[in-house]
C-alpha atoms as a PDB file:
ATOM      1  CA  MET A   1     -63.521  20.082 -38.753  1.00  0.00           C
ATOM      2  CA  ILE A   2     -61.693  20.477 -35.612  1.00  0.00           C
ATOM      3  CA  ASP A   3     -62.385  23.531 -33.494  1.00  0.00           C
ATOM      4  CA  PRO A   4     -58.950  24.952 -32.632  1.00  0.00           C
ATOM      5  CA  ILE A   5     -59.975  26.504 -29.382  1.00  0.00           C
ATOM      6  CA  THR A   6     -61.478  23.228 -28.199  1.00  0.00           C
ATOM      7  CA  ALA A   7     -58.441  21.179 -29.301  1.00  0.00           C
ATOM      8  CA  SER A   8     -56.128  23.938 -27.605  1.00  0.00           C
ATOM      9  CA  ALA A   9     -58.226  23.752 -24.454  1.00  0.00           C
ATOM     10  CA  ARG A  10     -58.148  19.930 -24.447  1.00  0.00           C
ATOM     11  CA  MET A  11     -54.303  19.964 -24.904  1.00  0.00           C
ATOM     12  CA  GLN A  12     -53.509  22.489 -22.144  1.00  0.00           C
ATOM     13  CA  ALA A  13     -56.068  20.317 -19.997  1.00  0.00           C
ATOM     14  CA  ALA A  14     -53.919  17.180 -20.661  1.00  0.00           C
ATOM     15  CA  MET A  15     -50.894  18.957 -20.282  1.00  0.00           C
ATOM     16  CA  LEU A  16     -51.820  20.379 -16.654  1.00  0.00           C
ATOM     17  CA  GLU A  17     -52.844  17.007 -15.769  1.00  0.00           C
ATOM     18  CA  SER A  18     -49.620  15.475 -16.525  1.00  0.00           C
ATOM     19  CA  TRP A  19     -47.852  18.000 -14.595  1.00  0.00           C
ATOM     20  CA  PHE A  20     -49.908  17.366 -11.778  1.00  0.00           C
ATOM     21  CA  ALA A  21     -49.071  13.588 -11.951  1.00  0.00           C
ATOM     22  CA  ILE A  22     -45.346  14.312 -12.386  1.00  0.00           C
ATOM     23  CA  GLY A  23     -45.537  16.627  -9.294  1.00  0.00           C
ATOM     24  CA  GLN A  24     -47.407  14.146  -7.256  1.00  0.00           C
ATOM     25  CA  HIS A  25     -45.050  11.582  -8.137  1.00  0.00           C
ATOM     26  CA  MET A  26     -41.953  13.848  -7.330  1.00  0.00           C
ATOM     27  CA  LEU A  27     -43.370  14.622  -4.138  1.00  0.00           C
ATOM     28  CA  THR A  28     -43.955  10.917  -3.285  1.00  0.00           C
ATOM     29  CA  TYR A  29     -40.352   9.951  -4.133  1.00  0.00           C
ATOM     30  CA  TRP A  30     -38.988  13.060  -2.166  1.00  0.00           C
ATOM     31  CA  GLY A  31     -41.083  11.622   0.915  1.00  0.00           C
ATOM     32  CA  HIS A  32     -39.849   8.304   0.452  1.00  0.00           C
ATOM     33  CA  CYS A  33     -36.067   9.532   0.250  1.00  0.00           C
ATOM     34  CA  ILE A  34     -36.399  11.330   3.313  1.00  0.00           C
ATOM     35  CA  ASP A  35     -38.122   8.609   5.244  1.00  0.00           C
ATOM     36  CA  ILE A  36     -35.092   6.395   4.103  1.00  0.00           C
ATOM     37  CA  GLN A  37     -32.437   8.796   5.307  1.00  0.00           C
ATOM     38  CA  GLN A  38     -34.551   9.284   8.502  1.00  0.00           C
ATOM     39  CA  ARG A  39     -34.750   5.564   9.367  1.00  0.00           C
ATOM     40  CA  PHE A  40     -30.946   5.370   8.347  1.00  0.00           C
ATOM     41  CA  LEU A  41     -29.922   8.182  10.681  1.00  0.00           C
ATOM     42  CA  HIS A  42     -32.157   6.495  13.376  1.00  0.00           C
ATOM     43  CA  GLU A  43     -30.442   3.004  12.811  1.00  0.00           C
ATOM     44  CA  ALA A  44     -27.039   4.428  13.066  1.00  0.00           C
ATOM     45  CA  THR A  45     -26.244   4.008  16.533  1.00  0.00           C
ATOM     46  CA  HIS A  46     -22.517   3.476  16.590  1.00  0.00           C
ATOM     47  CA  HIS A  47     -20.865   6.790  17.462  1.00  0.00           C
ATOM     48  CA  ARG A  48     -17.192   7.444  18.082  1.00  0.00           C
ATOM     49  CA  TRP A  49     -17.062  10.398  20.445  1.00  0.00           C
ATOM     50  CA  HIS A  50     -13.866   9.542  21.945  1.00  0.00           C
ATOM     51  CA  VAL A  51     -11.215   8.011  19.963  1.00  0.00           C
ATOM     52  CA  GLU A  52      -7.560   7.659  20.849  1.00  0.00           C
ATOM     53  CA  LEU A  53      -5.180   7.737  18.226  1.00  0.00           C
ATOM     54  CA  PRO A  54      -2.390   5.561  18.205  1.00  0.00           C
ATOM     55  CA  ASN A  55       0.819   7.954  18.918  1.00  0.00           C
ATOM     56  CA  GLY A  56       3.877   5.558  18.259  1.00  0.00           C
ATOM     57  CA  ALA A  57       5.070   2.082  19.247  1.00  0.00           C
ATOM     58  CA  SER A  58       3.762   0.905  22.629  1.00  0.00           C
ATOM     59  CA  PHE A  59       2.606  -2.115  24.412  1.00  0.00           C
ATOM     60  CA  THR A  60      -0.972  -0.759  24.752  1.00  0.00           C
ATOM     61  CA  ASP A  61      -1.302   0.252  21.132  1.00  0.00           C
ATOM     62  CA  ARG A  62      -4.603  -0.945  19.674  1.00  0.00           C
ATOM     63  CA  TYR A  63      -2.667  -1.994  16.510  1.00  0.00           C
ATOM     64  CA  GLY A  64      -0.115  -4.066  18.133  1.00  0.00           C
ATOM     65  CA  ARG A  65       3.554  -3.667  19.070  1.00  0.00           C
ATOM     66  CA  ARG A  66       5.532  -1.280  16.966  1.00  0.00           C
ATOM     67  CA  ALA A  67       2.776  -0.904  14.309  1.00  0.00           C
ATOM     68  CA  HIS A  68       3.523   2.544  13.482  1.00  0.00           C
ATOM     69  CA  ASP A  69       7.342   2.631  13.329  1.00  0.00           C
ATOM     70  CA  ILE A  70       9.181   4.043  10.497  1.00  0.00           C
ATOM     71  CA  ASP A  71      11.459   1.458   8.691  1.00  0.00           C
ATOM     72  CA  PRO A  72      13.859   3.745   6.956  1.00  0.00           C
ATOM     73  CA  GLU A  73      15.317   0.920   4.618  1.00  0.00           C
ATOM     74  CA  ARG A  74      11.510  -0.193   3.393  1.00  0.00           C
ATOM     75  CA  ASP A  75      10.277   3.424   3.212  1.00  0.00           C
ATOM     76  CA  VAL A  76      12.998   4.987   1.114  1.00  0.00           C
END
């Protein structure tokens, strides 16, 4: 017959080992995610610190001539 104390101790040891394995996998996964995020942030070198927004129709507008005019016949 199975000793209940030995069976309980074995079950608790198995649960503890599985928790440690799960914890180790979670820490490895989090470390991997942090590494990916750091690499992504280091590779993102294109920053827009000074952006001139187009403020109406002009010849120097970056979207072309009269791109931001409102056409009342079309927009009604």
